[in-house]
C-alpha atoms as a PDB file:
ATOM      1  CA  UNK A   1       1.191 -24.451 -51.895  1.00  0.00           C
ATOM      2  CA  UNK A   2       4.418 -24.434 -49.758  1.00  0.00           C
ATOM      3  CA  UNK A   3       4.509 -20.827 -49.775  1.00  0.00           C
ATOM      4  CA  UNK A   4       2.483 -20.097 -47.086  1.00  0.00           C
ATOM      5  CA  UNK A   5       5.442 -21.392 -45.205  1.00  0.00           C
ATOM      6  CA  UNK A   6       7.927 -19.265 -46.484  1.00  0.00           C
ATOM      7  CA  UNK A   7       7.299 -16.253 -44.434  1.00  0.00           C
ATOM      8  CA  UNK A   8       6.391 -13.366 -47.215  1.00  0.00           C
ATOM      9  CA  UNK A   9       3.849 -12.053 -45.480  1.00  0.00           C
ATOM     10  CA  UNK A  10       3.745  -9.573 -43.371  1.00  0.00           C
ATOM     11  CA  UNK A  11       2.121 -10.496 -39.399  1.00  0.00           C
ATOM     12  CA  UNK A  12       0.450  -7.601 -37.447  1.00  0.00           C
ATOM     13  CA  UNK A  13       2.925  -5.741 -35.440  1.00  0.00           C
ATOM     14  CA  UNK A  14       3.511  -7.126 -32.281  1.00  0.00           C
ATOM     15  CA  UNK A  15       1.288  -5.543 -29.367  1.00  0.00           C
ATOM     16  CA  UNK A  16       2.832  -3.463 -26.843  1.00  0.00           C
ATOM     17  CA  UNK A  17       2.916  -4.812 -23.316  1.00  0.00           C
ATOM     18  CA  UNK A  18       0.306  -2.587 -22.157  1.00  0.00           C
ATOM     19  CA  UNK A  19      -1.991  -3.751 -24.690  1.00  0.00           C
ATOM     20  CA  UNK A  20      -1.392  -7.210 -23.509  1.00  0.00           C
ATOM     21  CA  UNK A  21      -1.673  -6.068 -19.782  1.00  0.00           C
ATOM     22  CA  UNK A  22      -5.299  -4.709 -20.826  1.00  0.00           C
ATOM     23  CA  UNK A  23      -6.279  -7.525 -22.782  1.00  0.00           C
ATOM     24  CA  UNK A  24      -5.561  -9.839 -19.929  1.00  0.00           C
ATOM     25  CA  UNK A  25      -7.405  -7.653 -17.166  1.00  0.00           C
ATOM     26  CA  UNK A  26     -10.177  -7.104 -19.646  1.00  0.00           C
ATOM     27  CA  UNK A  27     -11.097 -10.347 -20.200  1.00  0.00           C
ATOM     28  CA  UNK A  28     -10.902 -11.560 -17.308  1.00  0.00           C
ATOM     29  CA  UNK A  29     -12.732  -9.217 -15.608  1.00  0.00           C
ATOM     30  CA  UNK A  30     -15.272  -9.060 -17.693  1.00  0.00           C
ATOM     31  CA  UNK A  31     -15.993 -13.029 -17.795  1.00  0.00           C
ATOM     32  CA  UNK A  32     -15.470 -12.745 -13.935  1.00  0.00           C
ATOM     33  CA  UNK A  33     -18.058  -9.804 -13.511  1.00  0.00           C
ATOM     34  CA  UNK A  34     -20.590 -11.738 -15.883  1.00  0.00           C
ATOM     35  CA  UNK A  35     -20.177 -14.838 -13.486  1.00  0.00           C
ATOM     36  CA  UNK A  36     -20.616 -12.560 -10.273  1.00  0.00           C
ATOM     37  CA  UNK A  37     -23.795 -11.388 -11.919  1.00  0.00           C
ATOM     38  CA  UNK A  38     -25.269 -14.576 -12.654  1.00  0.00           C
ATOM     39  CA  UNK A  39     -24.341 -15.912  -8.797  1.00  0.00           C
ATOM     40  CA  UNK A  40     -25.801 -12.467  -7.267  1.00  0.00           C
ATOM     41  CA  UNK A  41     -28.593 -12.486  -8.955  1.00  0.00           C
ATOM     42  CA  UNK A  42     -29.639 -16.040 -10.113  1.00  0.00           C
ATOM     43  CA  UNK A  43     -30.144 -14.892 -13.787  1.00  0.00           C
ATOM     44  CA  UNK A  44     -27.679 -15.996 -16.047  1.00  0.00           C
ATOM     45  CA  UNK A  45     -25.238 -13.335 -17.662  1.00  0.00           C
ATOM     46  CA  UNK A  46     -22.867 -15.370 -19.591  1.00  0.00           C
ATOM     47  CA  UNK A  47     -22.546 -17.520 -22.876  1.00  0.00           C
ATOM     48  CA  UNK A  48     -19.983 -18.704 -24.795  1.00  0.00           C
ATOM     49  CA  UNK A  49     -19.842 -16.257 -27.490  1.00  0.00           C
ATOM     50  CA  UNK A  50     -19.472 -13.427 -25.054  1.00  0.00           C
ATOM     51  CA  UNK A  51     -15.705 -15.119 -24.637  1.00  0.00           C
ATOM     52  CA  UNK A  52     -15.265 -14.116 -28.495  1.00  0.00           C
ATOM     53  CA  UNK A  53     -16.510 -10.869 -27.692  1.00  0.00           C
ATOM     54  CA  UNK A  54     -14.170  -9.962 -25.162  1.00  0.00           C
ATOM     55  CA  UNK A  55     -11.243 -10.791 -27.732  1.00  0.00           C
ATOM     56  CA  UNK A  56     -12.448  -8.051 -29.921  1.00  0.00           C
ATOM     57  CA  UNK A  57     -13.247  -5.709 -26.909  1.00  0.00           C
ATOM     58  CA  UNK A  58      -9.464  -6.342 -25.892  1.00  0.00           C
ATOM     59  CA  UNK A  59      -7.651  -7.170 -28.875  1.00  0.00           C
ATOM     60  CA  UNK A  60      -8.767  -4.962 -31.448  1.00  0.00           C
ATOM     61  CA  UNK A  61     -10.874  -2.226 -29.545  1.00  0.00           C
ATOM     62  CA  UNK A  62     -10.847   0.223 -32.398  1.00  0.00           C
ATOM     63  CA  UNK A  63     -12.475  -2.347 -35.034  1.00  0.00           C
ATOM     64  CA  UNK A  64     -15.684  -1.260 -36.037  1.00  0.00           C
ATOM     65  CA  UNK A  65     -17.004  -5.031 -35.025  1.00  0.00           C
ATOM     66  CA  UNK A  66     -16.096  -4.283 -31.479  1.00  0.00           C
ATOM     67  CA  UNK A  67     -17.904  -1.015 -30.802  1.00  0.00           C
ATOM     68  CA  UNK A  68     -20.893  -0.721 -28.369  1.00  0.00           C
ATOM     69  CA  UNK A  69     -23.719  -1.106 -30.964  1.00  0.00           C
ATOM     70  CA  UNK A  70     -22.232  -3.734 -32.984  1.00  0.00           C
ATOM     71  CA  UNK A  71     -21.819  -5.479 -29.570  1.00  0.00           C
ATOM     72  CA  UNK A  72     -24.815  -4.991 -28.257  1.00  0.00           C
ATOM     73  CA  UNK A  73     -27.445  -5.197 -30.978  1.00  0.00           C
ATOM     74  CA  UNK A  74     -25.399  -7.764 -32.873  1.00  0.00           C
ATOM     75  CA  UNK A  75     -25.872 -10.294 -29.995  1.00  0.00           C
ATOM     76  CA  UNK A  76     -29.337  -9.324 -29.430  1.00  0.00           C
ATOM     77  CA  UNK A  77     -30.698  -9.154 -33.109  1.00  0.00           C
ATOM     78  CA  UNK A  78     -29.102 -12.495 -33.472  1.00  0.00           C
ATOM     79  CA  UNK A  79     -30.324 -14.262 -30.213  1.00  0.00           C
ATOM     80  CA  UNK A  80     -33.750 -13.039 -31.246  1.00  0.00           C
ATOM     81  CA  UNK A  81     -33.737 -14.523 -35.040  1.00  0.00           C
ATOM     82  CA  UNK A  82     -32.203 -17.941 -33.292  1.00  0.00           C
ATOM     83  CA  UNK A  83     -35.300 -18.126 -30.888  1.00  0.00           C
ATOM     84  CA  UNK A  84     -37.387 -16.733 -33.844  1.00  0.00           C
ATOM     85  CA  UNK A  85     -36.625 -19.778 -35.939  1.00  0.00           C
ATOM     86  CA  UNK A  86     -36.456 -22.107 -32.995  1.00  0.00           C
ATOM     87  CA  UNK A  87     -40.584 -21.017 -32.093  1.00  0.00           C
ATOM     88  CA  UNK A  88     -41.346 -21.259 -35.837  1.00  0.00           C
ATOM     89  CA  UNK A  89     -39.928 -23.912 -37.516  1.00  0.00           C
ATOM     90  CA  UNK A  90     -38.274 -26.012 -34.369  1.00  0.00           C
ATOM     91  CA  UNK A  91     -34.677 -27.472 -34.301  1.00  0.00           C
ATOM     92  CA  UNK A  92     -33.549 -28.967 -37.420  1.00  0.00           C
ATOM     93  CA  UNK A  93     -30.761 -28.755 -39.839  1.00  0.00           C
ATOM     94  CA  UNK A  94     -32.503 -26.199 -41.751  1.00  0.00           C
ATOM     95  CA  UNK A  95     -33.672 -23.978 -39.117  1.00  0.00           C
ATOM     96  CA  UNK A  96     -30.008 -24.046 -37.756  1.00  0.00           C
ATOM     97  CA  UNK A  97     -28.482 -23.203 -40.924  1.00  0.00           C
ATOM     98  CA  UNK A  98     -30.999 -20.306 -41.631  1.00  0.00           C
ATOM     99  CA  UNK A  99     -30.930 -18.992 -38.373  1.00  0.00           C
ATOM    100  CA  UNK A 100     -27.030 -18.351 -38.843  1.00  0.00           C
ATOM    101  CA  UNK A 101     -27.716 -16.839 -42.487  1.00  0.00           C
ATOM    102  CA  UNK A 102     -30.578 -14.468 -41.173  1.00  0.00           C
ATOM    103  CA  UNK A 103     -28.703 -13.648 -38.364  1.00  0.00           C
ATOM    104  CA  UNK A 104     -25.484 -12.174 -40.578  1.00  0.00           C
ATOM    105  CA  UNK A 105     -27.727 -10.464 -43.002  1.00  0.00           C
ATOM    106  CA  UNK A 106     -29.691  -8.895 -40.296  1.00  0.00           C
ATOM    107  CA  UNK A 107     -26.724  -7.745 -38.460  1.00  0.00           C
ATOM    108  CA  UNK A 108     -25.439  -6.088 -42.039  1.00  0.00           C
ATOM    109  CA  UNK A 109     -28.659  -4.780 -42.843  1.00  0.00           C
ATOM    110  CA  UNK A 110     -28.802  -3.013 -39.098  1.00  0.00           C
ATOM    111  CA  UNK A 111     -25.247  -2.295 -39.404  1.00  0.00           C
ATOM    112  CA  UNK A 112     -24.129  -3.979 -36.436  1.00  0.00           C
ATOM    113  CA  UNK A 113     -22.070  -6.534 -37.607  1.00  0.00           C
ATOM    114  CA  UNK A 114     -20.661  -8.590 -34.455  1.00  0.00           C
ATOM    115  CA  UNK A 115     -19.016 -12.072 -35.267  1.00  0.00           C
ATOM    116  CA  UNK A 116     -19.209 -13.675 -31.908  1.00  0.00           C
ATOM    117  CA  UNK A 117     -22.897 -12.974 -32.065  1.00  0.00           C
ATOM    118  CA  UNK A 118     -22.838 -15.193 -35.594  1.00  0.00           C
ATOM    119  CA  UNK A 119     -22.704 -18.049 -32.609  1.00  0.00           C
ATOM    120  CA  UNK A 120     -26.120 -17.033 -31.163  1.00  0.00           C
ATOM    121  CA  UNK A 121     -28.483 -18.716 -33.273  1.00  0.00           C
ATOM    122  CA  UNK A 122     -26.065 -21.796 -32.928  1.00  0.00           C
ATOM    123  CA  UNK A 123     -25.811 -21.746 -29.350  1.00  0.00           C
ATOM    124  CA  UNK A 124     -29.939 -21.600 -28.827  1.00  0.00           C
ATOM    125  CA  UNK A 125     -30.772 -24.259 -31.652  1.00  0.00           C
ATOM    126  CA  UNK A 126     -27.979 -26.878 -31.120  1.00  0.00           C
ATOM    127  CA  UNK A 127     -28.613 -26.670 -27.070  1.00  0.00           C
ATOM    128  CA  UNK A 128     -32.433 -26.274 -27.277  1.00  0.00           C
ATOM    129  CA  UNK A 129     -33.135 -30.393 -27.030  1.00  0.00           C
ATOM    130  CA  UNK A 130     -31.470 -29.911 -23.596  1.00  0.00           C
ATOM    131  CA  UNK A 131     -32.605 -26.248 -22.687  1.00  0.00           C
ATOM    132  CA  UNK A 132     -36.264 -24.846 -22.722  1.00  0.00           C
ATOM    133  CA  UNK A 133     -35.502 -21.236 -24.069  1.00  0.00           C
ATOM    134  CA  UNK A 134     -37.937 -18.179 -23.278  1.00  0.00           C
ATOM    135  CA  UNK A 135     -38.049 -14.940 -24.503  1.00  0.00           C
ATOM    136  CA  UNK A 136     -36.284 -13.927 -21.336  1.00  0.00           C
ATOM    137  CA  UNK A 137     -33.069 -15.176 -22.888  1.00  0.00           C
ATOM    138  CA  UNK A 138     -32.938 -12.195 -24.620  1.00  0.00           C
ATOM    139  CA  UNK A 139     -32.445 -10.156 -21.803  1.00  0.00           C
ATOM    140  CA  UNK A 140     -30.901 -12.700 -19.800  1.00  0.00           C
ATOM    141  CA  UNK A 141     -28.084 -13.509 -20.711  1.00  0.00           C
ATOM    142  CA  UNK A 142     -27.878 -11.603 -24.218  1.00  0.00           C
ATOM    143  CA  UNK A 143     -28.687  -8.144 -23.512  1.00  0.00           C
ATOM    144  CA  UNK A 144     -27.800  -7.484 -20.207  1.00  0.00           C
ATOM    145  CA  UNK A 145     -24.442  -9.582 -20.665  1.00  0.00           C
ATOM    146  CA  UNK A 146     -23.718  -7.425 -23.461  1.00  0.00           C
ATOM    147  CA  UNK A 147     -24.046  -4.307 -21.775  1.00  0.00           C
ATOM    148  CA  UNK A 148     -22.038  -5.448 -19.052  1.00  0.00           C
ATOM    149  CA  UNK A 149     -19.040  -6.358 -21.421  1.00  0.00           C
ATOM    150  CA  UNK A 150     -19.372  -2.750 -22.766  1.00  0.00           C
ATOM    151  CA  UNK A 151     -19.283  -0.814 -19.753  1.00  0.00           C
ATOM    152  CA  UNK A 152     -16.411  -2.875 -18.361  1.00  0.00           C
ATOM    153  CA  UNK A 153     -14.409  -2.360 -21.803  1.00  0.00           C
ATOM    154  CA  UNK A 154     -15.355   1.286 -21.678  1.00  0.00           C
ATOM    155  CA  UNK A 155     -13.516   1.513 -18.244  1.00  0.00           C
ATOM    156  CA  UNK A 156     -10.572  -0.835 -19.124  1.00  0.00           C
ATOM    157  CA  UNK A 157      -9.924   0.565 -22.653  1.00  0.00           C
ATOM    158  CA  UNK A 158     -10.141   3.890 -21.303  1.00  0.00           C
ATOM    159  CA  UNK A 159      -7.978   3.433 -18.370  1.00  0.00           C
ATOM    160  CA  UNK A 160      -4.540   4.977 -18.820  1.00  0.00           C
ATOM    161  CA  UNK A 161      -4.968   4.763 -22.709  1.00  0.00           C
ATOM    162  CA  UNK A 162      -4.238   7.149 -25.432  1.00  0.00           C
ATOM    163  CA  UNK A 163      -6.575   5.287 -27.823  1.00  0.00           C
ATOM    164  CA  UNK A 164     -10.172   6.401 -26.750  1.00  0.00           C
ATOM    165  CA  UNK A 165     -12.917   3.702 -26.540  1.00  0.00           C
ATOM    166  CA  UNK A 166     -15.829   3.545 -28.422  1.00  0.00           C
ATOM    167  CA  UNK A 167     -14.905   5.326 -31.372  1.00  0.00           C
ATOM    168  CA  UNK A 168     -18.862   5.579 -31.614  1.00  0.00           C
ATOM    169  CA  UNK A 169     -21.896   4.634 -29.621  1.00  0.00           C
ATOM    170  CA  UNK A 170     -25.706   3.130 -30.373  1.00  0.00           C
ATOM    171  CA  UNK A 171     -26.211   5.727 -32.861  1.00  0.00           C
ATOM    172  CA  UNK A 172     -30.091   4.504 -32.152  1.00  0.00           C
ATOM    173  CA  UNK A 173     -31.351   7.972 -33.132  1.00  0.00           C
ATOM    174  CA  UNK A 174     -29.575   9.453 -35.753  1.00  0.00           C
ATOM    175  CA  UNK A 175     -25.949   9.223 -36.970  1.00  0.00           C
ATOM    176  CA  UNK A 176     -23.604  11.664 -38.412  1.00  0.00           C
ATOM    177  CA  UNK A 177     -23.339  11.287 -42.262  1.00  0.00           C
ATOM    178  CA  UNK A 178     -20.106  10.469 -43.501  1.00  0.00           C
ATOM    179  CA  UNK A 179     -17.969  13.123 -45.087  1.00  0.00           C
ATOM    180  CA  UNK A 180     -16.629  12.181 -48.564  1.00  0.00           C
END
């Protein structure tokens, strides 16, 4: 039990100062732009899971979980499932739990796993008693907010960086076969 405190594990390498600055600027700029777009258009562009998306986009941008396909489709699919289950089964403990399970399975099946998107069904179903959700929620804030985050991440992550982002895009039509 005490072995977890003895320091035998290896921590991830310390980030370079340029990575810290990129994360600070990227996270700040991403959320600021979403807030600005919300005020400018009177449409919601921001939701809580986008904060966690920013962590992936800037702190571990080379991860498959932080690629455009995963961010955009993961958020869209998970929110769609949350809305579907809300409309079909209402707001119950079972529909809340099932919506998260279905979102995870759908993201796995569609190869667009994005952990912050797993919170979308929770956001929808846990607030359904106080917010009336319409299908337009899939576009404002989910789809357009996720697209805006990806565009900002493309700009910030490629600015004076040796590692180009993204590793892969949306792969909606076809993807390259993996060479084994």
